[in-house]
PDB file of all heavy atoms in Angstrom:
ATOM      1  N   LYS A   1       0.503  -6.497  -9.058  1.00  0.00           N
ATOM      2  CA  LYS A   1       0.742  -7.804  -8.439  1.00  0.00           C
ATOM      3  C   LYS A   1       0.101  -7.863  -7.049  1.00  0.00           C
ATOM      4  O   LYS A   1      -0.557  -8.845  -6.692  1.00  0.00           O
ATOM      5  CB  LYS A   1       2.242  -8.063  -8.339  1.00  0.00           C
ATOM      6  CG  LYS A   1       2.585  -9.390  -7.738  1.00  0.00           C
ATOM      7  CD  LYS A   1       4.087  -9.585  -7.688  1.00  0.00           C
ATOM      8  CE  LYS A   1       4.441 -10.893  -7.020  1.00  0.00           C
ATOM      9  NZ  LYS A   1       5.888 -11.070  -6.891  1.00  0.00           N
ATOM     10  N   LEU A   2       0.286  -6.798  -6.292  1.00  0.00           N
ATOM     11  CA  LEU A   2      -0.235  -6.760  -4.933  1.00  0.00           C
ATOM     12  C   LEU A   2      -1.755  -6.828  -4.900  1.00  0.00           C
ATOM     13  O   LEU A   2      -2.343  -7.576  -4.113  1.00  0.00           O
ATOM     14  CB  LEU A   2       0.260  -5.492  -4.230  1.00  0.00           C
ATOM     15  CG  LEU A   2      -0.121  -5.304  -2.777  1.00  0.00           C
ATOM     16  CD1 LEU A   2       0.369  -6.483  -1.942  1.00  0.00           C
ATOM     17  CD2 LEU A   2       0.469  -4.006  -2.262  1.00  0.00           C
ATOM     18  N   VAL A   3      -2.418  -6.073  -5.743  1.00  0.00           N
ATOM     19  CA  VAL A   3      -3.884  -6.056  -5.727  1.00  0.00           C
ATOM     20  C   VAL A   3      -4.446  -7.406  -6.176  1.00  0.00           C
ATOM     21  O   VAL A   3      -5.496  -7.837  -5.702  1.00  0.00           O
ATOM     22  CB  VAL A   3      -4.448  -4.880  -6.556  1.00  0.00           C
ATOM     23  CG1 VAL A   3      -4.389  -5.136  -8.041  1.00  0.00           C
ATOM     24  CG2 VAL A   3      -5.870  -4.538  -6.141  1.00  0.00           C
ATOM     25  N   ARG A   4      -3.733  -8.097  -7.045  1.00  0.00           N
ATOM     26  CA  ARG A   4      -4.200  -9.412  -7.504  1.00  0.00           C
ATOM     27  C   ARG A   4      -3.976 -10.510  -6.472  1.00  0.00           C
ATOM     28  O   ARG A   4      -4.699 -11.497  -6.462  1.00  0.00           O
ATOM     29  CB  ARG A   4      -3.519  -9.766  -8.816  1.00  0.00           C
ATOM     30  CG  ARG A   4      -4.068  -8.978  -9.975  1.00  0.00           C
ATOM     31  CD  ARG A   4      -3.516  -9.462 -11.299  1.00  0.00           C
ATOM     32  NE  ARG A   4      -4.152  -8.755 -12.382  1.00  0.00           N
ATOM     33  CZ  ARG A   4      -3.499  -8.087 -13.317  1.00  0.00           C
ATOM     34  NH1 ARG A   4      -2.177  -8.047 -13.314  1.00  0.00           N
ATOM     35  NH2 ARG A   4      -4.149  -7.464 -14.269  1.00  0.00           N
ATOM     36  N   THR A   5      -2.972 -10.353  -5.627  1.00  0.00           N
ATOM     37  CA  THR A   5      -2.669 -11.383  -4.641  1.00  0.00           C
ATOM     38  C   THR A   5      -3.241 -11.072  -3.262  1.00  0.00           C
ATOM     39  O   THR A   5      -3.299 -11.950  -2.408  1.00  0.00           O
ATOM     40  CB  THR A   5      -1.146 -11.597  -4.507  1.00  0.00           C
ATOM     41  OG1 THR A   5      -0.521 -10.374  -4.120  1.00  0.00           O
ATOM     42  CG2 THR A   5      -0.552 -12.086  -5.815  1.00  0.00           C
ATOM     43  N   ASN A   6      -3.689  -9.834  -3.061  1.00  0.00           N
ATOM     44  CA  ASN A   6      -4.273  -9.428  -1.793  1.00  0.00           C
ATOM     45  C   ASN A   6      -5.623 -10.122  -1.610  1.00  0.00           C
ATOM     46  O   ASN A   6      -6.416 -10.202  -2.547  1.00  0.00           O
ATOM     47  CB  ASN A   6      -4.431  -7.897  -1.782  1.00  0.00           C
ATOM     48  CG  ASN A   6      -4.940  -7.358  -0.487  1.00  0.00           C
ATOM     49  OD1 ASN A   6      -6.040  -7.694  -0.059  1.00  0.00           O
ATOM     50  ND2 ASN A   6      -4.166  -6.495   0.127  1.00  0.00           N
ATOM     51  N   GLU A   7      -5.886 -10.599  -0.425  1.00  0.00           N
ATOM     52  CA  GLU A   7      -7.123 -11.334  -0.140  1.00  0.00           C
ATOM     53  C   GLU A   7      -8.373 -10.525  -0.493  1.00  0.00           C
ATOM     54  O   GLU A   7      -9.364 -11.061  -0.977  1.00  0.00           O
ATOM     55  CB  GLU A   7      -7.156 -11.711   1.339  1.00  0.00           C
ATOM     56  CG  GLU A   7      -8.295 -12.607   1.705  1.00  0.00           C
ATOM     57  CD  GLU A   7      -8.209 -13.047   3.153  1.00  0.00           C
ATOM     58  OE1 GLU A   7      -7.197 -13.683   3.510  1.00  0.00           O
ATOM     59  OE2 GLU A   7      -9.140 -12.737   3.900  1.00  0.00           O
ATOM     60  N   GLU A   8      -8.327  -9.226  -0.267  1.00  0.00           N
ATOM     61  CA  GLU A   8      -9.481  -8.366  -0.538  1.00  0.00           C
ATOM     62  C   GLU A   8      -9.477  -7.802  -1.961  1.00  0.00           C
ATOM     63  O   GLU A   8     -10.403  -7.093  -2.342  1.00  0.00           O
ATOM     64  CB  GLU A   8      -9.503  -7.202   0.460  1.00  0.00           C
ATOM     65  CG  GLU A   8      -9.639  -7.652   1.890  1.00  0.00           C
ATOM     66  CD  GLU A   8      -9.489  -6.503   2.862  1.00  0.00           C
ATOM     67  OE1 GLU A   8      -9.340  -5.350   2.431  1.00  0.00           O
ATOM     68  OE2 GLU A   8      -9.517  -6.776   4.072  1.00  0.00           O
ATOM     69  N   ASN A   9      -8.412  -8.079  -2.730  1.00  0.00           N
ATOM     70  CA  ASN A   9      -8.250  -7.506  -4.076  1.00  0.00           C
ATOM     71  C   ASN A   9      -8.346  -5.989  -4.042  1.00  0.00           C
ATOM     72  O   ASN A   9      -8.903  -5.361  -4.934  1.00  0.00           O
ATOM     73  CB  ASN A   9      -9.275  -8.077  -5.057  1.00  0.00           C
ATOM     74  CG  ASN A   9      -9.036  -9.525  -5.352  1.00  0.00           C
ATOM     75  OD1 ASN A   9      -7.903 -10.008  -5.323  1.00  0.00           O
ATOM     76  ND2 ASN A   9     -10.082 -10.255  -5.636  1.00  0.00           N
ATOM     77  N   ARG A  10      -7.783  -5.403  -2.982  1.00  0.00           N
ATOM     78  CA  ARG A  10      -7.830  -3.953  -2.783  1.00  0.00           C
ATOM     79  C   ARG A  10      -6.580  -3.522  -2.024  1.00  0.00           C
ATOM     80  O   ARG A  10      -6.159  -4.182  -1.090  1.00  0.00           O
ATOM     81  CB  ARG A  10      -9.069  -3.577  -1.999  1.00  0.00           C
ATOM     82  CG  ARG A  10      -9.228  -2.103  -1.730  1.00  0.00           C
ATOM     83  CD  ARG A  10     -10.551  -1.824  -1.044  1.00  0.00           C
ATOM     84  NE  ARG A  10     -11.687  -2.076  -1.922  1.00  0.00           N
ATOM     85  CZ  ARG A  10     -12.213  -1.167  -2.741  1.00  0.00           C
ATOM     86  NH1 ARG A  10     -11.727   0.039  -2.790  1.00  0.00           N
ATOM     87  NH2 ARG A  10     -13.238  -1.463  -3.501  1.00  0.00           N
ATOM     88  N   VAL A  11      -6.013  -2.402  -2.452  1.00  0.00           N
ATOM     89  CA  VAL A  11      -4.843  -1.822  -1.791  1.00  0.00           C
ATOM     90  C   VAL A  11      -5.135  -0.345  -1.564  1.00  0.00           C
ATOM     91  O   VAL A  11      -5.661   0.333  -2.451  1.00  0.00           O
ATOM     92  CB  VAL A  11      -3.571  -1.984  -2.656  1.00  0.00           C
ATOM     93  CG1 VAL A  11      -2.388  -1.276  -2.030  1.00  0.00           C
ATOM     94  CG2 VAL A  11      -3.261  -3.447  -2.887  1.00  0.00           C
ATOM     95  N   SER A  12      -4.790   0.151  -0.384  1.00  0.00           N
ATOM     96  CA  SER A  12      -4.993   1.566  -0.050  1.00  0.00           C
ATOM     97  C   SER A  12      -3.646   2.238   0.181  1.00  0.00           C
ATOM     98  O   SER A  12      -2.751   1.646   0.782  1.00  0.00           O
ATOM     99  CB  SER A  12      -5.823   1.704   1.222  1.00  0.00           C
ATOM    100  OG  SER A  12      -7.090   1.136   1.045  1.00  0.00           O
ATOM    101  N   ILE A  13      -3.554   3.464  -0.293  1.00  0.00           N
ATOM    102  CA  ILE A  13      -2.399   4.318   0.002  1.00  0.00           C
ATOM    103  C   ILE A  13      -2.954   5.552   0.702  1.00  0.00           C
ATOM    104  O   ILE A  13      -3.857   6.212   0.184  1.00  0.00           O
ATOM    105  CB  ILE A  13      -1.636   4.713  -1.269  1.00  0.00           C
ATOM    106  CG1 ILE A  13      -1.072   3.455  -1.950  1.00  0.00           C
ATOM    107  CG2 ILE A  13      -0.537   5.714  -0.948  1.00  0.00           C
ATOM    108  CD1 ILE A  13      -0.468   3.691  -3.303  1.00  0.00           C
ATOM    109  N   ILE A  14      -2.439   5.832   1.877  1.00  0.00           N
ATOM    110  CA  ILE A  14      -2.913   6.956   2.676  1.00  0.00           C
ATOM    111  C   ILE A  14      -1.962   8.126   2.472  1.00  0.00           C
ATOM    112  O   ILE A  14      -0.778   8.038   2.774  1.00  0.00           O
ATOM    113  CB  ILE A  14      -2.956   6.591   4.183  1.00  0.00           C
ATOM    114  CG1 ILE A  14      -3.653   5.251   4.425  1.00  0.00           C
ATOM    115  CG2 ILE A  14      -3.582   7.732   4.984  1.00  0.00           C
ATOM    116  CD1 ILE A  14      -5.057   5.145   3.969  1.00  0.00           C
ATOM    117  N   TRP A  15      -2.480   9.221   1.960  1.00  0.00           N
ATOM    118  CA  TRP A  15      -1.664  10.421   1.738  1.00  0.00           C
ATOM    119  C   TRP A  15      -1.800  11.392   2.907  1.00  0.00           C
ATOM    120  O   TRP A  15      -0.829  11.938   3.389  1.00  0.00           O
ATOM    121  CB  TRP A  15      -2.078  11.105   0.432  1.00  0.00           C
ATOM    122  CG  TRP A  15      -1.932  10.210  -0.758  1.00  0.00           C
ATOM    123  CD1 TRP A  15      -2.914   9.467  -1.342  1.00  0.00           C
ATOM    124  CD2 TRP A  15      -0.737   9.935  -1.482  1.00  0.00           C
ATOM    125  NE1 TRP A  15      -2.394   8.749  -2.391  1.00  0.00           N
ATOM    126  CE2 TRP A  15      -1.063   9.029  -2.499  1.00  0.00           C
ATOM    127  CE3 TRP A  15       0.579  10.386  -1.379  1.00  0.00           C
ATOM    128  CZ2 TRP A  15      -0.122   8.554  -3.409  1.00  0.00           C
ATOM    129  CZ3 TRP A  15       1.516   9.917  -2.282  1.00  0.00           C
ATOM    130  CH2 TRP A  15       1.166   9.009  -3.283  1.00  0.00           C
ATOM    131  N   ILE A  16      -3.049  11.637   3.318  1.00  0.00           N
ATOM    132  CA  ILE A  16      -3.340  12.542   4.429  1.00  0.00           C
ATOM    133  C   ILE A  16      -4.446  11.886   5.240  1.00  0.00           C
ATOM    134  O   ILE A  16      -5.436  11.431   4.650  1.00  0.00           O
ATOM    135  CB  ILE A  16      -3.814  13.927   3.916  1.00  0.00           C
ATOM    136  CG1 ILE A  16      -2.699  14.584   3.111  1.00  0.00           C
ATOM    137  CG2 ILE A  16      -4.229  14.823   5.077  1.00  0.00           C
ATOM    138  CD1 ILE A  16      -3.130  15.866   2.405  1.00  0.00           C
ATOM    139  N   PRO A  17      -4.361  11.782   6.554  1.00  0.00           N
ATOM    140  CA  PRO A  17      -3.302  12.336   7.385  1.00  0.00           C
ATOM    141  C   PRO A  17      -2.032  11.498   7.275  1.00  0.00           C
ATOM    142  O   PRO A  17      -2.080  10.312   6.908  1.00  0.00           O
ATOM    143  CB  PRO A  17      -3.869  12.259   8.804  1.00  0.00           C
ATOM    144  CG  PRO A  17      -4.846  11.127   8.762  1.00  0.00           C
ATOM    145  CD  PRO A  17      -5.396  11.115   7.352  1.00  0.00           C
ATOM    146  N   ASP A  18      -0.933  12.130   7.561  1.00  0.00           N
ATOM    147  CA  ASP A  18       0.344  11.448   7.491  1.00  0.00           C
ATOM    148  C   ASP A  18       0.380  10.379   8.569  1.00  0.00           C
ATOM    149  O   ASP A  18       0.076  10.626   9.722  1.00  0.00           O
ATOM    150  CB  ASP A  18       1.485  12.450   7.694  1.00  0.00           C
ATOM    151  CG  ASP A  18       2.812  11.893   7.247  1.00  0.00           C
ATOM    152  OD1 ASP A  18       2.825  10.933   6.452  1.00  0.00           O
ATOM    153  OD2 ASP A  18       3.850  12.411   7.691  1.00  0.00           O
ATOM    154  N   GLY A  19       0.681   9.200   8.174  1.00  0.00           N
ATOM    155  CA  GLY A  19       0.703   8.105   9.137  1.00  0.00           C
ATOM    156  C   GLY A  19       1.283   6.870   8.514  1.00  0.00           C
ATOM    157  O   GLY A  19       1.970   6.908   7.505  1.00  0.00           O
ATOM    158  N   ARG A  20       0.948   5.782   9.098  1.00  0.00           N
ATOM    159  CA  ARG A  20       1.501   4.504   8.683  1.00  0.00           C
ATOM    160  C   ARG A  20       0.768   3.966   7.460  1.00  0.00           C
ATOM    161  O   ARG A  20      -0.468   3.957   7.413  1.00  0.00           O
ATOM    162  CB  ARG A  20       1.361   3.545   9.843  1.00  0.00           C
ATOM    163  CG  ARG A  20       2.122   2.296   9.692  1.00  0.00           C
ATOM    164  CD  ARG A  20       2.069   1.548  10.990  1.00  0.00           C
ATOM    165  NE  ARG A  20       3.002   0.452  10.932  1.00  0.00           N
ATOM    166  CZ  ARG A  20       3.079  -0.470  11.818  1.00  0.00           C
ATOM    167  NH1 ARG A  20       2.291  -0.426  12.864  1.00  0.00           N
ATOM    168  NH2 ARG A  20       3.936  -1.442  11.699  1.00  0.00           N
ATOM    169  N   GLN A  21       1.552   3.472   6.506  1.00  0.00           N
ATOM    170  CA  GLN A  21       0.984   2.854   5.312  1.00  0.00           C
ATOM    171  C   GLN A  21       0.691   1.386   5.597  1.00  0.00           C
ATOM    172  O   GLN A  21       1.276   0.779   6.496  1.00  0.00           O
ATOM    173  CB  GLN A  21       1.975   2.961   4.145  1.00  0.00           C
ATOM    174  CG  GLN A  21       2.242   4.363   3.682  1.00  0.00           C
ATOM    175  CD  GLN A  21       1.018   5.039   3.080  1.00  0.00           C
ATOM    176  OE1 GLN A  21       0.046   4.413   2.677  1.00  0.00           O
ATOM    177  NE2 GLN A  21       1.066   6.359   3.044  1.00  0.00           N
ATOM    178  N   PRO A  22      -0.212   0.784   4.821  1.00  0.00           N
ATOM    179  CA  PRO A  22      -0.474  -0.649   4.975  1.00  0.00           C
ATOM    180  C   PRO A  22       0.819  -1.460   4.841  1.00  0.00           C
ATOM    181  O   PRO A  22       1.667  -1.153   4.004  1.00  0.00           O
ATOM    182  CB  PRO A  22      -1.447  -0.960   3.831  1.00  0.00           C
ATOM    183  CG  PRO A  22      -2.091   0.346   3.514  1.00  0.00           C
ATOM    184  CD  PRO A  22      -1.046   1.390   3.784  1.00  0.00           C
ATOM    185  N   SER A  23       0.965  -2.497   5.640  1.00  0.00           N
ATOM    186  CA  SER A  23       2.204  -3.268   5.705  1.00  0.00           C
ATOM    187  C   SER A  23       2.520  -4.026   4.421  1.00  0.00           C
ATOM    188  O   SER A  23       3.670  -4.371   4.189  1.00  0.00           O
ATOM    189  CB  SER A  23       2.144  -4.247   6.876  1.00  0.00           C
ATOM    190  OG  SER A  23       1.077  -5.154   6.695  1.00  0.00           O
ATOM    191  N   GLU A  24       1.533  -4.267   3.580  1.00  0.00           N
ATOM    192  CA  GLU A  24       1.783  -5.047   2.371  1.00  0.00           C
ATOM    193  C   GLU A  24       2.467  -4.261   1.250  1.00  0.00           C
ATOM    194  O   GLU A  24       2.882  -4.834   0.248  1.00  0.00           O
ATOM    195  CB  GLU A  24       0.486  -5.688   1.850  1.00  0.00           C
ATOM    196  CG  GLU A  24      -0.511  -4.715   1.280  1.00  0.00           C
ATOM    197  CD  GLU A  24      -1.589  -4.293   2.259  1.00  0.00           C
ATOM    198  OE1 GLU A  24      -1.452  -4.547   3.455  1.00  0.00           O
ATOM    199  OE2 GLU A  24      -2.575  -3.697   1.803  1.00  0.00           O
ATOM    200  N   LEU A  25       2.592  -2.951   1.397  1.00  0.00           N
ATOM    201  CA  LEU A  25       3.231  -2.152   0.356  1.00  0.00           C
ATOM    202  C   LEU A  25       4.717  -2.475   0.272  1.00  0.00           C
ATOM    203  O   LEU A  25       5.408  -2.549   1.285  1.00  0.00           O
ATOM    204  CB  LEU A  25       3.034  -0.661   0.618  1.00  0.00           C
ATOM    205  CG  LEU A  25       1.588  -0.160   0.633  1.00  0.00           C
ATOM    206  CD1 LEU A  25       1.560   1.351   0.834  1.00  0.00           C
ATOM    207  CD2 LEU A  25       0.840  -0.551  -0.620  1.00  0.00           C
ATOM    208  N   SER A  26       5.197  -2.659  -0.949  1.00  0.00           N
ATOM    209  CA  SER A  26       6.600  -3.011  -1.168  1.00  0.00           C
ATOM    210  C   SER A  26       7.504  -1.795  -0.912  1.00  0.00           C
ATOM    211  O   SER A  26       7.044  -0.649  -0.937  1.00  0.00           O
ATOM    212  CB  SER A  26       6.800  -3.487  -2.606  1.00  0.00           C
ATOM    213  OG  SER A  26       6.679  -2.402  -3.511  1.00  0.00           O
ATOM    214  N   PRO A  27       8.790  -2.036  -0.695  1.00  0.00           N
ATOM    215  CA  PRO A  27       9.729  -0.914  -0.527  1.00  0.00           C
ATOM    216  C   PRO A  27       9.698   0.048  -1.713  1.00  0.00           C
ATOM    217  O   PRO A  27       9.811   1.254  -1.535  1.00  0.00           O
ATOM    218  CB  PRO A  27      11.086  -1.603  -0.387  1.00  0.00           C
ATOM    219  CG  PRO A  27      10.776  -2.935   0.191  1.00  0.00           C
ATOM    220  CD  PRO A  27       9.455  -3.328  -0.445  1.00  0.00           C
ATOM    221  N   ARG A  28       9.528  -0.465  -2.931  1.00  0.00           N
ATOM    222  CA  ARG A  28       9.462   0.393  -4.125  1.00  0.00           C
ATOM    223  C   ARG A  28       8.237   1.311  -4.057  1.00  0.00           C
ATOM    224  O   ARG A  28       8.310   2.503  -4.347  1.00  0.00           O
ATOM    225  CB  ARG A  28       9.412  -0.464  -5.387  1.00  0.00           C
ATOM    226  CG  ARG A  28       9.403   0.337  -6.660  1.00  0.00           C
ATOM    227  CD  ARG A  28       9.176  -0.480  -7.933  1.00  0.00           C
ATOM    228  NE  ARG A  28       9.455  -1.879  -7.868  1.00  0.00           N
ATOM    229  CZ  ARG A  28      10.619  -2.453  -8.210  1.00  0.00           C
ATOM    230  NH1 ARG A  28      11.620  -1.707  -8.620  1.00  0.00           N
ATOM    231  NH2 ARG A  28      10.766  -3.759  -8.134  1.00  0.00           N
ATOM    232  N   ILE A  29       7.083   0.750  -3.670  1.00  0.00           N
ATOM    233  CA  ILE A  29       5.865   1.555  -3.548  1.00  0.00           C
ATOM    234  C   ILE A  29       6.048   2.611  -2.463  1.00  0.00           C
ATOM    235  O   ILE A  29       5.724   3.785  -2.667  1.00  0.00           O
ATOM    236  CB  ILE A  29       4.639   0.672  -3.243  1.00  0.00           C
ATOM    237  CG1 ILE A  29       4.343  -0.278  -4.400  1.00  0.00           C
ATOM    238  CG2 ILE A  29       3.414   1.542  -2.944  1.00  0.00           C
ATOM    239  CD1 ILE A  29       3.311  -1.355  -4.079  1.00  0.00           C
ATOM    240  N   LEU A  30       6.572   2.210  -1.324  1.00  0.00           N
ATOM    241  CA  LEU A  30       6.770   3.150  -0.212  1.00  0.00           C
ATOM    242  C   LEU A  30       7.726   4.278  -0.590  1.00  0.00           C
ATOM    243  O   LEU A  30       7.501   5.436  -0.224  1.00  0.00           O
ATOM    244  CB  LEU A  30       7.279   2.409   1.020  1.00  0.00           C
ATOM    245  CG  LEU A  30       6.274   1.459   1.665  1.00  0.00           C
ATOM    246  CD1 LEU A  30       6.951   0.631   2.743  1.00  0.00           C
ATOM    247  CD2 LEU A  30       5.082   2.217   2.221  1.00  0.00           C
ATOM    248  N   LYS A  31       8.765   3.958  -1.334  1.00  0.00           N
ATOM    249  CA  LYS A  31       9.720   4.984  -1.769  1.00  0.00           C
ATOM    250  C   LYS A  31       9.034   5.991  -2.698  1.00  0.00           C
ATOM    251  O   LYS A  31       9.231   7.200  -2.583  1.00  0.00           O
ATOM    252  CB  LYS A  31      10.902   4.322  -2.473  1.00  0.00           C
ATOM    253  CG  LYS A  31      12.058   5.241  -2.733  1.00  0.00           C
ATOM    254  CD  LYS A  31      13.250   4.438  -3.240  1.00  0.00           C
ATOM    255  CE  LYS A  31      14.478   5.293  -3.374  1.00  0.00           C
ATOM    256  NZ  LYS A  31      15.638   4.495  -3.847  1.00  0.00           N
ATOM    257  N   SER A  32       8.203   5.486  -3.603  1.00  0.00           N
ATOM    258  CA  SER A  32       7.468   6.368  -4.509  1.00  0.00           C
ATOM    259  C   SER A  32       6.463   7.228  -3.744  1.00  0.00           C
ATOM    260  O   SER A  32       6.343   8.433  -3.990  1.00  0.00           O
ATOM    261  CB  SER A  32       6.741   5.534  -5.567  1.00  0.00           C
ATOM    262  OG  SER A  32       5.997   6.355  -6.430  1.00  0.00           O
ATOM    263  N   VAL A  33       5.748   6.622  -2.795  1.00  0.00           N
ATOM    264  CA  VAL A  33       4.769   7.366  -1.988  1.00  0.00           C
ATOM    265  C   VAL A  33       5.484   8.472  -1.211  1.00  0.00           C
ATOM    266  O   VAL A  33       5.004   9.611  -1.168  1.00  0.00           O
ATOM    267  CB  VAL A  33       3.997   6.429  -1.040  1.00  0.00           C
ATOM    268  CG1 VAL A  33       3.215   7.211   0.003  1.00  0.00           C
ATOM    269  CG2 VAL A  33       3.058   5.524  -1.834  1.00  0.00           C
TER     270      VAL A  33
END
């Protein structure tokens, strides 16, 4: 849903280095990450 509604049609998840995730990630995605 997020990738289809995102203006860029792209979503990034950062694993390393540990830091802040993109703000558009849902609580469910963040919990899984």
